[in-house]
Amino acid sequence: MNKLLWISDYPLKGTSFGNVTLELCRRIQNYKIYILGIGYTGTPIAPFPNMDILPLENAKQIEYYVRKLKPDKTVVYHSFYFLEQLTGIELPDNTVGYIPVEGEKLPANLVAYLTNFENLIVPSKYSQGILRKEGLHSEIVYHGVDSNFFTPANKPPLKEFRWGYLGLNDIRKQIPRIIEAYSRLPRRTRGSLAIAAKGTGHYLLSAVAQQFRVSPIWIEKKYYGIPMAKQNILSFYRNLSCYVNCSSEAFGLPNLEAAGAGIPSIALDHGASKEIMGGGSLYVKVKDMLDTNIGQLGLADRDDLYRKMKVILEVPPERKRLIKAGKRRAKIFTWEKALKQLLDVID
């Protein structure tokens, strides 16, 4: 059996990279898969018959694994932040880069590094278009949603309206703008705000909440850096009235998972969100662009984010429309389709 070396987050880490890695790799049948789990320091484990998860404490270990395993194909699935660690690391000639592209006008050093890959994969037409502007060809492998798992709760709706966010605490995610917009909603009817993110990161979220005089519900398993299990992520979505994400995304998996769970959502009108969610989200206007080391990212218009949240809160027919449209969008993107697209490239 051919060997596939897959370099990404540890599949049980609880990140989007880890979740996508697990969903794709556990479905691959025609390769023996070795996953180098970035940041994983434990012993090798074999959660499935054709899969071994190996520790990767330092990018320099990749060359050791390549010499030892002699893979037929190698996939690097991660962000530009990780690619910077690969500078000077010799990868096999047959390496495929599976790279989400969230920003525009990519820095020259990133464009130059991408030419090292035999093929490039991206998760959206948006990402593909950004690379095309840089003269780089790529193939699309969309992510998916397990529609048999991410389903609506079979229980009455919440008595209190609840907003929610799940993900990283970095500049791109713009969590302070969500907190600010929530603080402007009518106090008596706005309900609660649940945040499943690390409390420290690019922002000290507790200080931001104090600044706007609100008291979010901190989901401790994220707030203290412990990954959320898949069942807990589903439970988080099901206990929301609306999912809010105002960051520039290369795909935007949480919005789609929330939609599968029957939750309306708000997304940013930049990146791939509209391509993926279609009529299943309300979209926040971009106020300005932020230059970062991964390209230019859209910044959410604070006033428009507040207005969109107010619509969700005060117009029940719009919530119902978004729920129906979101469920339809979630069924379009499946892991089986994603797997076929992936194998078409790496084979």
Protein backbone atom coordinates (compact mmCIF):
# COMPACT_ATOMS: atom_id res chain seq x y z
CA MET A 1 0.00 0.00 0.00
CA ASN A 2 1.26 3.50 -0.85
CA LYS A 3 2.27 5.79 1.99
CA LEU A 4 0.79 9.25 2.56
CA LEU A 5 2.56 11.64 4.92
CA TRP A 6 0.13 14.32 6.17
CA ILE A 7 1.55 17.29 8.09
CA SER A 8 -0.97 19.35 10.06
CA ASP A 9 -2.37 19.92 13.53
CA TYR A 10 -2.80 16.93 15.83
CA PRO A 11 -6.23 15.59 14.75
CA LEU A 12 -7.63 15.61 18.29
CA LYS A 13 -6.37 19.11 19.07
CA GLY A 14 -9.77 20.70 18.52
CA THR A 15 -8.68 23.17 15.82
CA SER A 16 -10.21 23.45 12.35
CA PHE A 17 -6.96 22.10 10.89
CA GLY A 18 -7.11 19.11 13.23
CA ASN A 19 -10.80 18.47 12.54
CA VAL A 20 -10.43 18.65 8.76
CA THR A 21 -7.36 16.37 8.95
CA LEU A 22 -9.30 13.77 10.92
CA GLU A 23 -12.43 13.89 8.73
CA LEU A 24 -10.45 13.49 5.51
CA CYS A 25 -7.75 11.06 6.57
CA ARG A 26 -10.06 8.62 8.35
CA ARG A 27 -11.95 8.21 5.07
CA ILE A 28 -8.90 7.49 2.89
CA GLN A 29 -8.66 3.78 2.10
CA ASN A 30 -5.96 3.44 -0.56
CA TYR A 31 -3.03 4.83 1.46
CA LYS A 32 -1.28 4.01 4.68
CA ILE A 33 -1.43 7.40 6.39
CA TYR A 34 1.16 8.89 8.72
CA ILE A 35 0.01 12.14 10.33
CA LEU A 36 2.68 14.40 11.79
CA GLY A 37 0.72 16.20 14.50
CA ILE A 38 2.16 19.69 14.88
CA GLY A 39 2.74 20.34 18.57
CA TYR A 40 1.87 16.77 19.57
CA THR A 41 4.39 15.47 22.10
CA GLY A 42 2.85 12.12 23.08
CA THR A 43 3.62 8.63 21.88
CA PRO A 44 2.53 7.41 18.42
CA ILE A 45 -1.09 6.30 18.31
CA ALA A 46 -3.19 4.44 15.73
CA PRO A 47 -6.86 5.53 16.03
CA PHE A 48 -7.76 3.78 12.75
CA PRO A 49 -6.24 0.68 11.04
CA ASN A 50 -4.66 2.67 8.19
CA MET A 51 -3.58 5.69 10.27
CA ASP A 52 -0.67 6.43 12.60
CA ILE A 53 -0.39 9.78 14.40
CA LEU A 54 3.21 10.73 15.16
CA PRO A 55 4.58 13.55 17.33
CA LEU A 56 6.04 16.68 15.70
CA GLU A 57 7.57 18.99 18.27
CA ASN A 58 9.78 20.82 15.76
CA ALA A 59 9.56 21.30 12.01
CA LYS A 60 13.12 19.99 11.66
CA GLN A 61 11.83 16.52 12.56
CA ILE A 62 10.03 16.40 9.21
CA GLU A 63 13.25 15.53 7.37
CA TYR A 64 13.82 12.61 9.77
CA TYR A 65 10.31 11.24 9.16
CA VAL A 66 10.70 11.62 5.39
CA ARG A 67 13.95 9.61 5.42
CA LYS A 68 12.44 6.93 7.66
CA LEU A 69 8.99 6.55 6.07
CA LYS A 70 9.84 7.30 2.40
CA PRO A 71 6.28 8.50 1.61
CA ASP A 72 4.83 8.23 -1.89
CA LYS A 73 2.91 11.46 -1.35
CA THR A 74 3.20 14.26 1.19
CA VAL A 75 0.54 16.86 2.08
CA VAL A 76 1.23 19.98 4.13
CA TYR A 77 -2.13 21.27 5.38
CA HIS A 78 -1.74 24.45 7.37
CA SER A 79 -1.67 28.23 7.35
CA PHE A 80 1.01 30.64 6.18
CA TYR A 81 2.13 30.93 9.81
CA PHE A 82 3.37 27.33 9.73
CA LEU A 83 4.96 27.70 6.30
CA GLU A 84 7.36 30.22 7.80
CA GLN A 85 8.68 27.43 10.04
CA LEU A 86 9.41 25.29 6.97
CA THR A 87 12.03 27.68 5.61
CA GLY A 88 15.19 25.63 5.08
CA ILE A 89 13.35 22.30 5.54
CA GLU A 90 13.76 19.95 2.57
CA LEU A 91 10.39 18.46 1.61
CA PRO A 92 9.92 15.58 -0.87
CA ASP A 93 9.49 16.53 -4.53
CA ASN A 94 5.95 15.14 -4.52
CA THR A 95 4.66 17.42 -1.74
CA VAL A 96 1.20 19.01 -2.10
CA GLY A 97 0.43 22.22 -0.26
CA TYR A 98 -3.14 22.45 1.08
CA ILE A 99 -3.16 26.12 2.05
CA PRO A 100 -6.15 28.25 3.14
CA VAL A 101 -5.78 31.78 1.76
CA GLU A 102 -7.75 34.34 3.79
CA GLY A 103 -6.15 37.60 2.66
CA GLU A 104 -5.47 39.52 -0.50
CA LYS A 105 -2.20 40.92 -1.95
CA LEU A 106 0.00 38.19 -0.50
CA PRO A 107 3.50 39.09 0.69
CA ALA A 108 6.23 38.23 -1.82
CA ASN A 109 8.00 35.78 0.52
CA LEU A 110 4.83 33.67 0.83
CA VAL A 111 4.27 33.61 -2.92
CA ALA A 112 7.88 32.51 -3.41
CA TYR A 113 7.55 29.69 -0.89
CA LEU A 114 4.39 28.32 -2.50
CA THR A 115 6.35 27.55 -5.66
CA ASN A 116 8.10 24.76 -3.71
CA PHE A 117 5.01 22.55 -3.84
CA GLU A 118 4.28 20.11 -6.65
CA ASN A 119 0.58 21.03 -6.47
CA LEU A 120 -1.47 23.52 -4.48
CA ILE A 121 -4.89 22.88 -2.95
CA VAL A 122 -7.21 25.56 -1.57
CA PRO A 123 -10.65 25.25 0.10
CA SER A 124 -12.56 27.85 -1.97
CA LYS A 125 -12.79 29.73 -5.25
CA TYR A 126 -11.92 32.85 -3.29
CA SER A 127 -8.56 31.37 -2.24
CA GLN A 128 -7.99 30.08 -5.76
CA GLY A 129 -8.59 33.54 -7.19
CA ILE A 130 -6.05 35.15 -4.86
CA LEU A 131 -3.37 32.65 -5.90
CA ARG A 132 -4.27 33.12 -9.58
CA LYS A 133 -3.53 36.84 -9.23
CA GLU A 134 -0.05 35.81 -8.04
CA GLY A 135 0.45 33.55 -11.06
CA LEU A 136 -0.10 30.32 -9.09
CA HIS A 137 -2.35 27.45 -10.16
CA SER A 138 -4.37 25.57 -7.54
CA GLU A 139 -7.13 22.99 -7.24
CA ILE A 140 -10.15 23.33 -4.96
CA VAL A 141 -10.93 20.84 -2.21
CA TYR A 142 -13.88 22.17 -0.25
CA HIS A 143 -14.34 21.16 3.35
CA GLY A 144 -17.45 19.33 4.47
CA VAL A 145 -20.00 18.90 7.22
CA ASP A 146 -21.19 15.61 8.66
CA SER A 147 -24.92 16.23 8.23
CA ASN A 148 -25.70 13.09 10.21
CA PHE A 149 -23.90 14.59 13.21
CA PHE A 150 -24.44 18.35 12.99
CA THR A 151 -28.22 18.31 13.26
CA PRO A 152 -30.74 20.54 15.05
CA ALA A 153 -31.54 19.79 18.68
CA ASN A 154 -34.74 17.90 19.35
CA LYS A 155 -35.86 20.22 22.14
CA PRO A 156 -37.75 23.49 22.66
CA PRO A 157 -35.89 26.73 21.77
CA LEU A 158 -33.93 28.54 24.46
CA LYS A 159 -35.91 30.87 26.72
CA GLU A 160 -33.08 33.41 26.53
CA PHE A 161 -31.58 34.64 23.27
CA ARG A 162 -27.93 33.57 23.04
CA TRP A 163 -25.18 34.73 20.68
CA GLY A 164 -22.02 32.69 20.25
CA TYR A 165 -18.54 32.58 18.79
CA LEU A 166 -16.16 29.60 18.60
CA GLY A 167 -12.57 29.82 17.39
CA LEU A 168 -9.20 31.48 17.73
CA ASN A 169 -8.45 34.67 19.60
CA ASP A 170 -6.47 36.56 16.99
CA ILE A 171 -6.73 39.80 15.04
CA ARG A 172 -8.37 38.14 12.04
CA LYS A 173 -11.32 36.92 14.11
CA GLN A 174 -12.19 40.42 15.45
CA ILE A 175 -13.83 39.17 18.66
CA PRO A 176 -13.78 42.67 20.29
CA ARG A 177 -16.10 43.91 17.54
CA ILE A 178 -18.56 41.15 18.36
CA ILE A 179 -18.45 42.11 22.05
CA GLU A 180 -18.89 45.80 21.21
CA ALA A 181 -21.87 45.20 18.89
CA TYR A 182 -23.50 42.96 21.50
CA SER A 183 -23.07 45.69 24.15
CA ARG A 184 -25.05 48.11 21.97
CA LEU A 185 -28.11 45.88 21.73
CA PRO A 186 -31.09 46.65 24.00
CA ARG A 187 -30.10 45.40 27.43
CA ARG A 188 -33.49 43.90 28.27
CA THR A 189 -33.78 41.78 25.13
CA ARG A 190 -30.23 41.11 23.95
CA GLY A 191 -29.84 37.90 25.94
CA SER A 192 -26.37 36.47 26.56
CA LEU A 193 -23.10 36.13 24.63
CA ALA A 194 -21.11 32.87 24.79
CA ILE A 195 -17.46 32.91 23.70
CA ALA A 196 -15.49 29.69 23.21
CA ALA A 197 -11.97 31.02 22.69
CA LYS A 198 -8.78 31.34 24.65
CA GLY A 199 -9.00 34.29 27.00
CA THR A 200 -5.48 35.41 26.17
CA GLY A 201 -4.12 35.75 22.66
CA HIS A 202 -4.08 38.81 20.46
CA TYR A 203 -6.67 40.23 22.85
CA LEU A 204 -7.23 39.98 26.58
CA LEU A 205 -10.92 39.20 26.20
CA SER A 206 -11.87 39.70 29.84
CA ALA A 207 -10.52 43.28 29.63
CA VAL A 208 -12.40 43.89 26.39
CA ALA A 209 -15.64 42.68 28.00
CA GLN A 210 -15.02 44.92 31.00
CA GLN A 211 -14.42 47.89 28.69
CA PHE A 212 -17.86 47.44 27.14
CA ARG A 213 -19.51 46.55 30.46
CA VAL A 214 -20.76 43.13 29.47
CA SER A 215 -20.35 39.70 31.05
CA PRO A 216 -20.00 37.00 28.39
CA ILE A 217 -20.36 33.32 29.17
CA TRP A 218 -16.80 32.02 28.88
CA ILE A 219 -16.76 28.43 27.68
CA GLU A 220 -14.03 27.12 29.94
CA LYS A 221 -12.83 24.24 27.78
CA LYS A 222 -11.67 26.80 25.26
CA TYR A 223 -11.01 29.67 27.63
CA TYR A 224 -8.35 27.67 29.42
CA GLY A 225 -6.87 26.14 26.28
CA ILE A 226 -8.40 22.65 26.53
CA PRO A 227 -9.76 21.46 23.16
CA MET A 228 -13.49 20.97 22.83
CA ALA A 229 -14.60 17.48 21.86
CA LYS A 230 -16.77 17.18 18.75
CA GLN A 231 -19.87 16.44 20.84
CA ASN A 232 -19.23 19.56 22.95
CA ILE A 233 -18.91 21.68 19.80
CA LEU A 234 -22.29 20.42 18.63
CA SER A 235 -23.76 21.13 22.06
CA PHE A 236 -22.31 24.65 21.91
CA TYR A 237 -24.01 25.35 18.56
CA ARG A 238 -27.32 23.85 19.65
CA ASN A 239 -27.45 26.15 22.66
CA LEU A 240 -27.19 29.29 20.52
CA SER A 241 -29.80 31.49 18.91
CA CYS A 242 -27.26 32.92 16.44
CA TYR A 243 -23.63 32.21 15.55
CA VAL A 244 -21.50 35.31 14.87
CA ASN A 245 -18.20 35.32 12.99
CA CYS A 246 -16.89 38.53 11.43
CA SER A 247 -13.50 37.35 10.17
CA SER A 248 -12.11 36.88 6.68
CA GLU A 249 -12.23 33.13 6.00
CA ALA A 250 -10.78 30.78 3.39
CA PHE A 251 -13.81 28.54 4.01
CA GLY A 252 -15.54 29.21 7.34
CA LEU A 253 -16.29 25.75 8.74
CA PRO A 254 -17.95 26.84 12.04
CA ASN A 255 -20.61 28.87 10.20
CA LEU A 256 -21.48 25.81 8.11
CA GLU A 257 -21.50 23.46 11.12
CA ALA A 258 -23.77 25.87 13.00
CA ALA A 259 -26.06 25.97 9.95
CA GLY A 260 -26.25 22.17 9.98
CA ALA A 261 -27.29 22.39 13.64
CA GLY A 262 -30.15 24.71 12.64
CA ILE A 263 -28.57 27.95 13.86
CA PRO A 264 -28.69 31.20 11.83
CA SER A 265 -25.40 33.00 11.42
CA ILE A 266 -23.67 36.28 10.67
CA ALA A 267 -20.50 36.37 8.57
CA LEU A 268 -18.17 38.92 7.00
CA ASP A 269 -18.68 40.00 3.40
CA HIS A 270 -15.03 39.24 2.62
CA GLY A 271 -13.16 36.03 1.94
CA ALA A 272 -15.09 32.88 1.08
CA SER A 273 -18.03 33.24 3.49
CA LYS A 274 -20.62 34.25 0.89
CA GLU A 275 -19.34 31.57 -1.52
CA ILE A 276 -19.87 28.89 1.12
CA MET A 277 -22.92 30.11 3.03
CA GLY A 278 -24.94 31.66 0.18
CA GLY A 279 -28.29 32.77 1.58
CA GLY A 280 -27.63 31.03 4.89
CA SER A 281 -25.99 34.04 6.57
CA LEU A 282 -26.36 37.77 6.96
CA TYR A 283 -23.19 39.54 5.83
CA VAL A 284 -21.38 42.41 7.53
CA LYS A 285 -19.89 45.13 5.34
CA VAL A 286 -16.13 45.64 5.24
CA LYS A 287 -15.11 48.98 6.71
CA ASP A 288 -11.41 48.88 5.90
CA MET A 289 -8.53 46.53 5.06
CA LEU A 290 -5.80 45.49 7.49
CA ASP A 291 -2.28 44.72 6.25
CA THR A 292 -0.90 41.56 7.89
CA ASN A 293 1.90 39.09 7.21
CA ILE A 294 -0.65 36.79 5.51
CA GLY A 295 -2.11 39.47 3.24
CA GLN A 296 -4.83 42.11 3.51
CA LEU A 297 -7.82 41.15 5.66
CA GLY A 298 -11.26 42.77 5.76
CA LEU A 299 -12.25 44.62 8.92
CA ALA A 300 -15.92 44.43 9.89
CA ASP A 301 -17.92 47.64 9.95
CA ARG A 302 -18.88 47.98 13.63
CA ASP A 303 -22.15 49.80 12.91
CA ASP A 304 -23.20 47.28 10.27
CA LEU A 305 -22.38 44.36 12.58
CA TYR A 306 -24.64 45.93 15.21
CA ARG A 307 -27.41 46.40 12.64
CA LYS A 308 -27.18 42.79 11.45
CA MET A 309 -27.32 41.51 15.04
CA LYS A 310 -30.34 43.74 15.68
CA VAL A 311 -32.12 42.23 12.64
CA ILE A 312 -31.44 38.72 13.90
CA LEU A 313 -32.69 39.65 17.36
CA GLU A 314 -35.85 41.51 16.34
CA VAL A 315 -37.05 39.89 13.08
CA PRO A 316 -38.10 36.25 13.68
CA PRO A 317 -39.10 35.63 10.02
CA GLU A 318 -35.55 36.48 8.95
CA ARG A 319 -34.16 34.01 11.48
CA LYS A 320 -36.44 31.29 10.09
CA ARG A 321 -35.35 32.07 6.54
CA LEU A 322 -31.68 31.88 7.49
CA ILE A 323 -32.19 28.57 9.29
CA LYS A 324 -33.82 26.96 6.23
CA ALA A 325 -31.23 28.35 3.83
CA GLY A 326 -28.37 27.37 6.13
CA LYS A 327 -29.52 23.76 6.36
CA ARG A 328 -29.59 23.57 2.57
CA ARG A 329 -26.05 24.96 2.33
CA ALA A 330 -24.72 22.51 4.92
CA LYS A 331 -26.00 19.56 2.88
CA ILE A 332 -24.14 20.74 -0.24
CA PHE A 333 -20.70 20.33 1.32
CA THR A 334 -19.93 16.75 2.36
CA TRP A 335 -16.73 15.02 3.40
CA GLU A 336 -17.32 12.38 0.72
CA LYS A 337 -17.18 15.08 -1.98
CA ALA A 338 -14.13 16.59 -0.30
CA LEU A 339 -12.37 13.21 -0.25
CA LYS A 340 -12.98 12.65 -3.97
CA GLN A 341 -11.61 16.11 -4.78
CA LEU A 342 -8.56 15.45 -2.60
CA LEU A 343 -7.76 12.08 -4.14
CA ASP A 344 -8.15 13.51 -7.66
CA VAL A 345 -5.22 15.82 -6.84
CA ILE A 346 -2.87 13.62 -4.80
CA ASP A 347 -3.35 10.55 -7.01
